[in-house]
Amino acid sequence: MRQHLITAGFFMEGLHDARPEKRLAPSYDQLIEIWDKGCIELVDAVVSYVPFTIKLCETAATACDGNYPGVFDYEVSSAFGKWFGEYIFAHGGDEPPKIEAQAWLVKEIGDFFTQGMTEEQAENVKTAIADSIPQAD
């Protein structure tokens, strides 16, 4: 449970870093305004991806014999929150479709764990990740 909460916290950290445009400063208040569905609803929307993220992270870590090439929540979880927020800015308040958000996580988790690997090693990790995705999602 602790890892779920940490990942959720880093999703939120990234959400606070979302920029309405590249040249503008991050603005969580603007994000809430364009979202226009309530703050709790925004938090709920982004943290709903925590279980999926943890499942993929654990699968990839197992495929890598427990070796992490960096700090997962700094490099993936926070980046996801920022991406999620910037998607909302870019799409007039709409959240990303679930399939698009999950695809982002699959790619970024795979890229995180396969840093410095050969193509063959990377393929094994990415296959393990793909095989762990529930079919209903």
C-alpha atoms as a PDB file:
ATOM      1  CA  MET A   1       0.000   0.000   0.000  1.00  0.00           C
ATOM      2  CA  ARG A   2       2.853   2.382   0.784  1.00  0.00           C
ATOM      3  CA  GLN A   3       4.186   2.206  -2.780  1.00  0.00           C
ATOM      4  CA  HIS A   4       0.706   2.964  -4.126  1.00  0.00           C
ATOM      5  CA  LEU A   5       0.575   6.121  -2.024  1.00  0.00           C
ATOM      6  CA  ILE A   6       4.059   7.220  -3.060  1.00  0.00           C
ATOM      7  CA  THR A   7       3.248   6.709  -6.736  1.00  0.00           C
ATOM      8  CA  ALA A   8      -0.015   8.650  -6.323  1.00  0.00           C
ATOM      9  CA  GLY A   9       1.940  11.464  -4.677  1.00  0.00           C
ATOM     10  CA  PHE A  10       4.350  11.637  -7.602  1.00  0.00           C
ATOM     11  CA  PHE A  11       1.456  11.589 -10.073  1.00  0.00           C
ATOM     12  CA  MET A  12       0.187  14.675  -8.253  1.00  0.00           C
ATOM     13  CA  GLU A  13       3.636  16.273  -8.197  1.00  0.00           C
ATOM     14  CA  GLY A  14       3.752  15.924 -11.967  1.00  0.00           C
ATOM     15  CA  LEU A  15       0.222  17.245 -12.336  1.00  0.00           C
ATOM     16  CA  HIS A  16       1.364  20.402 -10.528  1.00  0.00           C
ATOM     17  CA  ASP A  17       4.177  20.744 -13.099  1.00  0.00           C
ATOM     18  CA  ALA A  18       1.810  20.720 -16.092  1.00  0.00           C
ATOM     19  CA  ARG A  19       2.077  23.788 -18.284  1.00  0.00           C
ATOM     20  CA  PRO A  20      -0.775  25.217 -20.348  1.00  0.00           C
ATOM     21  CA  GLU A  21       1.834  25.967 -23.052  1.00  0.00           C
ATOM     22  CA  LYS A  22       5.569  25.262 -23.261  1.00  0.00           C
ATOM     23  CA  ARG A  23       6.430  28.953 -22.876  1.00  0.00           C
ATOM     24  CA  LEU A  24       4.213  29.432 -19.790  1.00  0.00           C
ATOM     25  CA  ALA A  25       4.856  28.522 -16.176  1.00  0.00           C
ATOM     26  CA  PRO A  26       3.083  25.515 -14.654  1.00  0.00           C
ATOM     27  CA  SER A  27      -0.333  26.399 -13.263  1.00  0.00           C
ATOM     28  CA  TYR A  28      -2.341  23.927 -11.230  1.00  0.00           C
ATOM     29  CA  ASP A  29      -5.051  26.539 -10.720  1.00  0.00           C
ATOM     30  CA  GLN A  30      -5.462  26.931 -14.493  1.00  0.00           C
ATOM     31  CA  LEU A  31      -5.529  23.161 -14.845  1.00  0.00           C
ATOM     32  CA  ILE A  32      -8.388  22.885 -12.337  1.00  0.00           C
ATOM     33  CA  GLU A  33     -10.193  25.687 -14.151  1.00  0.00           C
ATOM     34  CA  ILE A  34      -9.921  24.118 -17.619  1.00  0.00           C
ATOM     35  CA  TRP A  35     -10.734  20.672 -16.191  1.00  0.00           C
ATOM     36  CA  ASP A  36     -13.976  22.150 -14.817  1.00  0.00           C
ATOM     37  CA  LYS A  37     -15.094  18.970 -13.055  1.00  0.00           C
ATOM     38  CA  GLY A  38     -13.717  19.588  -9.559  1.00  0.00           C
ATOM     39  CA  CYS A  39     -10.390  19.059  -7.855  1.00  0.00           C
ATOM     40  CA  ILE A  40     -11.316  15.758  -6.204  1.00  0.00           C
ATOM     41  CA  GLU A  41     -12.464  14.446  -9.576  1.00  0.00           C
ATOM     42  CA  LEU A  42      -9.124  15.407 -11.162  1.00  0.00           C
ATOM     43  CA  VAL A  43      -7.174  13.709  -8.390  1.00  0.00           C
ATOM     44  CA  ASP A  44      -9.398  10.639  -8.747  1.00  0.00           C
ATOM     45  CA  ALA A  45      -8.889  10.565 -12.522  1.00  0.00           C
ATOM     46  CA  VAL A  46      -5.098  10.652 -12.374  1.00  0.00           C
ATOM     47  CA  VAL A  47      -4.607   8.343  -9.380  1.00  0.00           C
ATOM     48  CA  SER A  48      -6.912   5.744 -10.907  1.00  0.00           C
ATOM     49  CA  TYR A  49      -3.815   4.687 -12.892  1.00  0.00           C
ATOM     50  CA  VAL A  50      -1.786   3.830  -9.778  1.00  0.00           C
ATOM     51  CA  PRO A  51      -2.733   0.098  -9.615  1.00  0.00           C
ATOM     52  CA  PHE A  52      -1.984  -0.349 -13.336  1.00  0.00           C
ATOM     53  CA  THR A  53       1.345   1.461 -12.934  1.00  0.00           C
ATOM     54  CA  ILE A  54       2.387  -0.562  -9.887  1.00  0.00           C
ATOM     55  CA  LYS A  55       1.484  -3.839 -11.614  1.00  0.00           C
ATOM     56  CA  LEU A  56       3.604  -2.975 -14.657  1.00  0.00           C
ATOM     57  CA  CYS A  57       6.460  -1.669 -12.505  1.00  0.00           C
ATOM     58  CA  GLU A  58       6.534  -4.835 -10.391  1.00  0.00           C
ATOM     59  CA  THR A  59       6.412  -7.027 -13.502  1.00  0.00           C
ATOM     60  CA  ALA A  60       9.264  -5.129 -15.143  1.00  0.00           C
ATOM     61  CA  ALA A  61      11.321  -5.121 -11.939  1.00  0.00           C
ATOM     62  CA  THR A  62      10.905  -8.886 -11.651  1.00  0.00           C
ATOM     63  CA  ALA A  63      11.970  -9.323 -15.287  1.00  0.00           C
ATOM     64  CA  CYS A  64      15.060  -7.239 -14.446  1.00  0.00           C
ATOM     65  CA  ASP A  65      15.912  -9.285 -11.348  1.00  0.00           C
ATOM     66  CA  GLY A  66      14.918  -6.370  -9.120  1.00  0.00           C
ATOM     67  CA  ASN A  67      17.328  -3.935 -10.732  1.00  0.00           C
ATOM     68  CA  TYR A  68      16.079  -0.379 -11.133  1.00  0.00           C
ATOM     69  CA  PRO A  69      18.172   1.813 -13.465  1.00  0.00           C
ATOM     70  CA  GLY A  70      17.045   4.995 -11.707  1.00  0.00           C
ATOM     71  CA  VAL A  71      14.284   6.310  -9.465  1.00  0.00           C
ATOM     72  CA  PHE A  72      10.976   5.094 -10.891  1.00  0.00           C
ATOM     73  CA  ASP A  73       8.699   7.660  -9.272  1.00  0.00           C
ATOM     74  CA  TYR A  74      10.943  10.572 -10.277  1.00  0.00           C
ATOM     75  CA  GLU A  75      11.324   9.409 -13.850  1.00  0.00           C
ATOM     76  CA  VAL A  76       7.978   7.762 -14.633  1.00  0.00           C
ATOM     77  CA  SER A  77       5.279   8.618 -12.086  1.00  0.00           C
ATOM     78  CA  SER A  78       5.961  12.343 -11.966  1.00  0.00           C
ATOM     79  CA  ALA A  79       6.315  12.462 -15.745  1.00  0.00           C
ATOM     80  CA  PHE A  80       2.951  10.720 -16.101  1.00  0.00           C
ATOM     81  CA  GLY A  81       1.227  13.305 -13.918  1.00  0.00           C
ATOM     82  CA  LYS A  82       2.734  16.101 -15.994  1.00  0.00           C
ATOM     83  CA  TRP A  83       1.747  14.379 -19.249  1.00  0.00           C
ATOM     84  CA  PHE A  84      -1.788  13.825 -17.931  1.00  0.00           C
ATOM     85  CA  GLY A  85      -2.158  17.492 -16.998  1.00  0.00           C
ATOM     86  CA  GLU A  86      -0.713  18.748 -20.265  1.00  0.00           C
ATOM     87  CA  TYR A  87      -3.082  16.470 -22.157  1.00  0.00           C
ATOM     88  CA  ILE A  88      -5.974  18.144 -20.341  1.00  0.00           C
ATOM     89  CA  PHE A  89      -4.625  21.588 -21.242  1.00  0.00           C
ATOM     90  CA  ALA A  90      -4.152  20.600 -24.884  1.00  0.00           C
ATOM     91  CA  HIS A  91      -7.603  19.019 -25.198  1.00  0.00           C
ATOM     92  CA  GLY A  92      -9.798  21.698 -23.679  1.00  0.00           C
ATOM     93  CA  GLY A  93     -10.353  20.019 -20.332  1.00  0.00           C
ATOM     94  CA  ASP A  94     -10.752  16.435 -21.514  1.00  0.00           C
ATOM     95  CA  GLU A  95      -8.716  13.724 -19.846  1.00  0.00           C
ATOM     96  CA  PRO A  96      -6.784  11.290 -22.008  1.00  0.00           C
ATOM     97  CA  PRO A  97      -8.646   8.179 -23.131  1.00  0.00           C
ATOM     98  CA  LYS A  98      -7.795   5.238 -20.879  1.00  0.00           C
ATOM     99  CA  ILE A  99      -6.155   3.321 -23.717  1.00  0.00           C
ATOM    100  CA  GLU A 100      -3.896   6.287 -24.517  1.00  0.00           C
ATOM    101  CA  ALA A 101      -2.892   6.790 -20.874  1.00  0.00           C
ATOM    102  CA  GLN A 102      -2.173   3.086 -20.466  1.00  0.00           C
ATOM    103  CA  ALA A 103      -0.137   3.058 -23.698  1.00  0.00           C
ATOM    104  CA  TRP A 104       1.911   5.993 -22.373  1.00  0.00           C
ATOM    105  CA  LEU A 105       2.602   4.098 -19.151  1.00  0.00           C
ATOM    106  CA  VAL A 106       3.493   0.855 -20.957  1.00  0.00           C
ATOM    107  CA  LYS A 107       5.972   2.669 -23.194  1.00  0.00           C
ATOM    108  CA  GLU A 108       7.563   4.774 -20.462  1.00  0.00           C
ATOM    109  CA  ILE A 109       7.808   1.930 -17.948  1.00  0.00           C
ATOM    110  CA  GLY A 110       9.399  -0.227 -20.646  1.00  0.00           C
ATOM    111  CA  ASP A 111      11.822   2.546 -21.584  1.00  0.00           C
ATOM    112  CA  PHE A 112      12.703   3.147 -17.929  1.00  0.00           C
ATOM    113  CA  PHE A 113      13.546  -0.475 -17.158  1.00  0.00           C
ATOM    114  CA  THR A 114      15.382  -1.165 -20.416  1.00  0.00           C
ATOM    115  CA  GLN A 115      17.878   1.688 -20.163  1.00  0.00           C
ATOM    116  CA  GLY A 116      21.297   0.395 -21.134  1.00  0.00           C
ATOM    117  CA  MET A 117      20.058  -3.062 -22.173  1.00  0.00           C
ATOM    118  CA  THR A 118      20.722  -4.911 -25.371  1.00  0.00           C
ATOM    119  CA  GLU A 119      17.785  -5.224 -27.786  1.00  0.00           C
ATOM    120  CA  GLU A 120      17.296  -8.845 -26.745  1.00  0.00           C
ATOM    121  CA  GLN A 121      17.258  -8.045 -23.030  1.00  0.00           C
ATOM    122  CA  ALA A 122      14.899  -5.117 -23.633  1.00  0.00           C
ATOM    123  CA  GLU A 123      12.534  -7.283 -25.666  1.00  0.00           C
ATOM    124  CA  ASN A 124      12.267  -9.779 -22.787  1.00  0.00           C
ATOM    125  CA  VAL A 125      11.306  -6.998 -20.365  1.00  0.00           C
ATOM    126  CA  LYS A 126       8.828  -5.394 -22.762  1.00  0.00           C
ATOM    127  CA  THR A 127       7.231  -8.779 -23.458  1.00  0.00           C
ATOM    128  CA  ALA A 128       6.831  -9.400 -19.725  1.00  0.00           C
ATOM    129  CA  ILE A 129       5.163  -5.995 -19.362  1.00  0.00           C
ATOM    130  CA  ALA A 130       2.824  -6.622 -22.301  1.00  0.00           C
ATOM    131  CA  ASP A 131       1.914 -10.080 -20.976  1.00  0.00           C
ATOM    132  CA  SER A 132       0.975  -8.601 -17.570  1.00  0.00           C
ATOM    133  CA  ILE A 133      -1.641  -6.190 -18.947  1.00  0.00           C
ATOM    134  CA  PRO A 134      -5.130  -7.344 -18.009  1.00  0.00           C
ATOM    135  CA  GLN A 135      -7.178  -8.043 -21.138  1.00  0.00           C
ATOM    136  CA  ALA A 136     -10.230  -6.147 -19.811  1.00  0.00           C
ATOM    137  CA  ASP A 137      -8.244  -2.907 -19.560  1.00  0.00           C
END
